[in-house]
Amino acid sequence: MGRMKALIPGRVKALFRGLFKGRAKALVLGTVGIVVAVGAAGLAYLAFHDTKELRYKSQNALRTGVARAGGEELAHRGVSLKSTLTCADSLGWTKRKMRVNCTSSTSDHQRVQIIGAGEGATQDQYYTILVNGRPLVQNATCLGADCRKKS
């Protein structure tokens, strides 16, 4: 029994010596593995991330685009307009927060309103179509053919 106790500390020392020799190697390999994994994840993010970009980059382009795409969206949904959409800048618009309001009426004399918004800071864009005050499209990120191009 006394001899057994004497052997255990010697074996433990040998075990620790072996671990510390390989420990530096394991530390280096672990660090390299983490760096490679983070790099691969970063590349995958850049390759597959869908970057947001404003479809209409100016107030004039938003006004013109909402009139065109809004008319297409209404036609696609079976709403026929009596006249083309008339668009105007909404009060308080800025280069960073673009806002337009388009109006017309349907062939059966219901009021149509399209509200378009583009945020420069977040690159978000939203569109709402109201027919007779009721939402037909609410907070959509695209209208008309612009939606069908992505799918």
C-alpha atoms as a PDB file:
ATOM      1  CA  MET A   1       0.000   0.000   0.000  1.00  0.00           C
ATOM      2  CA  GLY A   2       2.804   2.435   0.845  1.00  0.00           C
ATOM      3  CA  ARG A   3       4.479   1.689  -2.460  1.00  0.00           C
ATOM      4  CA  MET A   4       1.235   2.442  -4.315  1.00  0.00           C
ATOM      5  CA  LYS A   5       0.997   5.920  -2.762  1.00  0.00           C
ATOM      6  CA  ALA A   6       4.537   6.663  -3.857  1.00  0.00           C
ATOM      7  CA  LEU A   7       3.778   5.704  -7.471  1.00  0.00           C
ATOM      8  CA  ILE A   8       0.674   7.854  -7.814  1.00  0.00           C
ATOM      9  CA  PRO A   9       2.423  11.238  -7.408  1.00  0.00           C
ATOM     10  CA  GLY A  10       5.061  10.181  -9.929  1.00  0.00           C
ATOM     11  CA  ARG A  11       2.423   9.170 -12.450  1.00  0.00           C
ATOM     12  CA  VAL A  12       0.501  12.402 -11.923  1.00  0.00           C
ATOM     13  CA  LYS A  13       3.672  14.434 -12.516  1.00  0.00           C
ATOM     14  CA  ALA A  14       4.355  12.525 -15.731  1.00  0.00           C
ATOM     15  CA  LEU A  15       0.785  13.007 -16.849  1.00  0.00           C
ATOM     16  CA  PHE A  16       0.949  16.778 -16.233  1.00  0.00           C
ATOM     17  CA  ARG A  17       4.306  17.035 -18.020  1.00  0.00           C
ATOM     18  CA  GLY A  18       2.741  15.359 -21.060  1.00  0.00           C
ATOM     19  CA  LEU A  19      -0.256  17.656 -20.965  1.00  0.00           C
ATOM     20  CA  PHE A  20       1.797  20.810 -20.767  1.00  0.00           C
ATOM     21  CA  LYS A  21       3.976  19.802 -23.717  1.00  0.00           C
ATOM     22  CA  GLY A  22       0.916  19.281 -25.878  1.00  0.00           C
ATOM     23  CA  ARG A  23      -0.945  22.175 -24.284  1.00  0.00           C
ATOM     24  CA  ALA A  24       0.966  24.854 -26.196  1.00  0.00           C
ATOM     25  CA  LYS A  25       0.376  22.965 -29.416  1.00  0.00           C
ATOM     26  CA  ALA A  26      -3.332  22.583 -28.634  1.00  0.00           C
ATOM     27  CA  LEU A  27      -3.596  26.269 -27.764  1.00  0.00           C
ATOM     28  CA  VAL A  28      -2.081  27.300 -31.087  1.00  0.00           C
ATOM     29  CA  LEU A  29      -4.225  24.847 -33.054  1.00  0.00           C
ATOM     30  CA  GLY A  30      -7.359  25.952 -31.181  1.00  0.00           C
ATOM     31  CA  THR A  31      -6.642  29.620 -31.869  1.00  0.00           C
ATOM     32  CA  VAL A  32      -6.015  28.956 -35.555  1.00  0.00           C
ATOM     33  CA  GLY A  33      -9.218  26.909 -35.723  1.00  0.00           C
ATOM     34  CA  ILE A  34     -11.253  29.730 -34.195  1.00  0.00           C
ATOM     35  CA  VAL A  35      -9.739  32.318 -36.552  1.00  0.00           C
ATOM     36  CA  VAL A  36     -10.487  30.124 -39.575  1.00  0.00           C
ATOM     37  CA  ALA A  37     -14.062  29.479 -38.402  1.00  0.00           C
ATOM     38  CA  VAL A  38     -14.741  33.182 -37.802  1.00  0.00           C
ATOM     39  CA  GLY A  39     -13.211  34.068 -41.183  1.00  0.00           C
ATOM     40  CA  ALA A  40     -15.339  31.468 -42.965  1.00  0.00           C
ATOM     41  CA  ALA A  41     -18.476  32.697 -41.186  1.00  0.00           C
ATOM     42  CA  GLY A  42     -17.652  36.288 -42.191  1.00  0.00           C
ATOM     43  CA  LEU A  43     -17.163  35.326 -45.829  1.00  0.00           C
ATOM     44  CA  ALA A  44     -20.409  33.349 -45.845  1.00  0.00           C
ATOM     45  CA  TYR A  45     -22.253  36.334 -44.360  1.00  0.00           C
ATOM     46  CA  LEU A  46     -20.880  38.677 -47.019  1.00  0.00           C
ATOM     47  CA  ALA A  47     -21.610  36.215 -49.825  1.00  0.00           C
ATOM     48  CA  PHE A  48     -25.200  35.411 -48.863  1.00  0.00           C
ATOM     49  CA  HIS A  49     -26.371  38.542 -47.039  1.00  0.00           C
ATOM     50  CA  ASP A  50     -29.031  40.445 -48.937  1.00  0.00           C
ATOM     51  CA  THR A  51     -27.976  44.064 -48.620  1.00  0.00           C
ATOM     52  CA  LYS A  52     -30.831  46.516 -48.529  1.00  0.00           C
ATOM     53  CA  GLU A  53     -30.755  49.338 -50.995  1.00  0.00           C
ATOM     54  CA  LEU A  54     -33.350  51.967 -51.733  1.00  0.00           C
ATOM     55  CA  ARG A  55     -35.137  51.269 -54.998  1.00  0.00           C
ATOM     56  CA  TYR A  56     -35.726  54.996 -55.521  1.00  0.00           C
ATOM     57  CA  LYS A  57     -32.777  57.118 -54.437  1.00  0.00           C
ATOM     58  CA  SER A  58     -34.341  60.581 -54.742  1.00  0.00           C
ATOM     59  CA  GLN A  59     -37.675  62.195 -54.005  1.00  0.00           C
ATOM     60  CA  ASN A  60     -38.338  62.684 -57.718  1.00  0.00           C
ATOM     61  CA  ALA A  61     -37.527  59.042 -58.468  1.00  0.00           C
ATOM     62  CA  LEU A  62     -39.778  57.906 -55.599  1.00  0.00           C
ATOM     63  CA  ARG A  63     -42.654  60.078 -56.853  1.00  0.00           C
ATOM     64  CA  THR A  64     -42.320  58.763 -60.423  1.00  0.00           C
ATOM     65  CA  GLY A  65     -41.708  55.165 -59.346  1.00  0.00           C
ATOM     66  CA  VAL A  66     -44.656  54.992 -56.965  1.00  0.00           C
ATOM     67  CA  ALA A  67     -46.965  56.323 -59.683  1.00  0.00           C
ATOM     68  CA  ARG A  68     -45.768  53.662 -62.143  1.00  0.00           C
ATOM     69  CA  ALA A  69     -45.456  50.697 -59.750  1.00  0.00           C
ATOM     70  CA  GLY A  70     -48.631  51.633 -57.862  1.00  0.00           C
ATOM     71  CA  GLY A  71     -50.627  51.641 -61.072  1.00  0.00           C
ATOM     72  CA  GLU A  72     -49.179  48.228 -61.960  1.00  0.00           C
ATOM     73  CA  GLU A  73     -49.994  46.853 -58.505  1.00  0.00           C
ATOM     74  CA  LEU A  74     -53.582  48.086 -58.698  1.00  0.00           C
ATOM     75  CA  ALA A  75     -54.026  46.593 -62.182  1.00  0.00           C
ATOM     76  CA  HIS A  76     -52.515  43.305 -60.971  1.00  0.00           C
ATOM     77  CA  ARG A  77     -55.092  43.246 -58.158  1.00  0.00           C
ATOM     78  CA  GLY A  78     -57.980  43.951 -60.541  1.00  0.00           C
ATOM     79  CA  VAL A  79     -58.529  47.607 -59.603  1.00  0.00           C
ATOM     80  CA  SER A  80     -59.036  49.800 -62.660  1.00  0.00           C
ATOM     81  CA  LEU A  81     -58.345  53.498 -62.350  1.00  0.00           C
ATOM     82  CA  LYS A  82     -60.468  56.238 -63.882  1.00  0.00           C
ATOM     83  CA  SER A  83     -57.320  58.344 -64.442  1.00  0.00           C
ATOM     84  CA  THR A  84     -53.600  57.992 -63.870  1.00  0.00           C
ATOM     85  CA  LEU A  85     -52.182  58.464 -60.401  1.00  0.00           C
ATOM     86  CA  THR A  86     -51.240  62.021 -59.445  1.00  0.00           C
ATOM     87  CA  CYS A  87     -48.322  62.117 -57.026  1.00  0.00           C
ATOM     88  CA  ALA A  88     -47.082  64.898 -54.777  1.00  0.00           C
ATOM     89  CA  ASP A  89     -44.453  65.228 -52.064  1.00  0.00           C
ATOM     90  CA  SER A  90     -45.780  64.674 -48.553  1.00  0.00           C
ATOM     91  CA  LEU A  91     -45.271  67.462 -46.047  1.00  0.00           C
ATOM     92  CA  GLY A  92     -42.050  67.224 -44.079  1.00  0.00           C
ATOM     93  CA  TRP A  93     -40.092  65.036 -46.486  1.00  0.00           C
ATOM     94  CA  THR A  94     -36.298  65.290 -46.445  1.00  0.00           C
ATOM     95  CA  LYS A  95     -33.495  63.691 -48.454  1.00  0.00           C
ATOM     96  CA  ARG A  96     -33.122  61.140 -45.654  1.00  0.00           C
ATOM     97  CA  LYS A  97     -36.863  60.570 -45.145  1.00  0.00           C
ATOM     98  CA  MET A  98     -38.570  60.652 -48.521  1.00  0.00           C
ATOM     99  CA  ARG A  99     -42.382  60.636 -48.582  1.00  0.00           C
ATOM    100  CA  VAL A 100     -44.891  60.767 -51.437  1.00  0.00           C
ATOM    101  CA  ASN A 101     -48.646  60.607 -51.673  1.00  0.00           C
ATOM    102  CA  CYS A 102     -50.401  59.541 -54.893  1.00  0.00           C
ATOM    103  CA  THR A 103     -54.137  59.823 -55.512  1.00  0.00           C
ATOM    104  CA  SER A 104     -56.684  58.838 -58.123  1.00  0.00           C
ATOM    105  CA  SER A 105     -60.090  57.214 -58.237  1.00  0.00           C
ATOM    106  CA  THR A 106     -61.308  53.863 -59.469  1.00  0.00           C
ATOM    107  CA  SER A 107     -63.642  53.432 -62.418  1.00  0.00           C
ATOM    108  CA  ASP A 108     -66.508  53.071 -59.907  1.00  0.00           C
ATOM    109  CA  HIS A 109     -65.531  56.389 -58.225  1.00  0.00           C
ATOM    110  CA  GLN A 110     -63.784  55.062 -55.107  1.00  0.00           C
ATOM    111  CA  ARG A 111     -60.893  57.161 -53.809  1.00  0.00           C
ATOM    112  CA  VAL A 112     -57.420  55.594 -54.195  1.00  0.00           C
ATOM    113  CA  GLN A 113     -54.427  56.744 -52.207  1.00  0.00           C
ATOM    114  CA  ILE A 114     -50.884  55.353 -52.322  1.00  0.00           C
ATOM    115  CA  ILE A 115     -48.377  56.344 -49.671  1.00  0.00           C
ATOM    116  CA  GLY A 116     -44.709  55.675 -50.390  1.00  0.00           C
ATOM    117  CA  ALA A 117     -41.807  56.151 -47.980  1.00  0.00           C
ATOM    118  CA  GLY A 118     -38.046  55.650 -48.186  1.00  0.00           C
ATOM    119  CA  GLU A 119     -35.615  55.934 -45.256  1.00  0.00           C
ATOM    120  CA  GLY A 120     -32.056  56.817 -46.208  1.00  0.00           C
ATOM    121  CA  ALA A 121     -30.502  55.816 -42.869  1.00  0.00           C
ATOM    122  CA  THR A 122     -32.002  52.313 -42.704  1.00  0.00           C
ATOM    123  CA  GLN A 123     -32.505  51.797 -46.457  1.00  0.00           C
ATOM    124  CA  ASP A 124     -36.088  50.709 -45.704  1.00  0.00           C
ATOM    125  CA  GLN A 125     -38.982  51.455 -48.022  1.00  0.00           C
ATOM    126  CA  TYR A 126     -42.681  50.949 -47.461  1.00  0.00           C
ATOM    127  CA  TYR A 127     -45.819  51.353 -49.537  1.00  0.00           C
ATOM    128  CA  THR A 128     -49.480  51.382 -48.548  1.00  0.00           C
ATOM    129  CA  ILE A 129     -52.466  51.435 -50.903  1.00  0.00           C
ATOM    130  CA  LEU A 130     -55.844  52.556 -49.626  1.00  0.00           C
ATOM    131  CA  VAL A 131     -59.022  52.109 -51.648  1.00  0.00           C
ATOM    132  CA  ASN A 132     -61.946  54.053 -50.245  1.00  0.00           C
ATOM    133  CA  GLY A 133     -59.964  54.425 -46.986  1.00  0.00           C
ATOM    134  CA  ARG A 134     -59.394  50.682 -46.542  1.00  0.00           C
ATOM    135  CA  PRO A 135     -55.963  49.078 -46.915  1.00  0.00           C
ATOM    136  CA  LEU A 136     -55.470  46.994 -50.022  1.00  0.00           C
ATOM    137  CA  VAL A 137     -51.689  46.813 -49.481  1.00  0.00           C
ATOM    138  CA  GLN A 138     -50.177  47.693 -46.132  1.00  0.00           C
ATOM    139  CA  ASN A 139     -46.485  48.376 -45.427  1.00  0.00           C
ATOM    140  CA  ALA A 140     -45.296  46.402 -48.466  1.00  0.00           C
ATOM    141  CA  THR A 141     -41.601  46.637 -49.313  1.00  0.00           C
ATOM    142  CA  CYS A 142     -42.284  46.710 -53.058  1.00  0.00           C
ATOM    143  CA  LEU A 143     -45.082  47.336 -55.565  1.00  0.00           C
ATOM    144  CA  GLY A 144     -45.968  46.078 -59.027  1.00  0.00           C
ATOM    145  CA  ALA A 145     -43.258  44.619 -61.236  1.00  0.00           C
ATOM    146  CA  ASP A 146     -40.630  45.532 -58.639  1.00  0.00           C
ATOM    147  CA  CYS A 147     -41.986  42.695 -56.460  1.00  0.00           C
ATOM    148  CA  ARG A 148     -42.127  40.162 -59.245  1.00  0.00           C
ATOM    149  CA  LYS A 149     -38.508  40.813 -60.298  1.00  0.00           C
ATOM    150  CA  LYS A 150     -37.234  39.471 -56.955  1.00  0.00           C
ATOM    151  CA  SER A 151     -39.233  36.244 -56.993  1.00  0.00           C
END
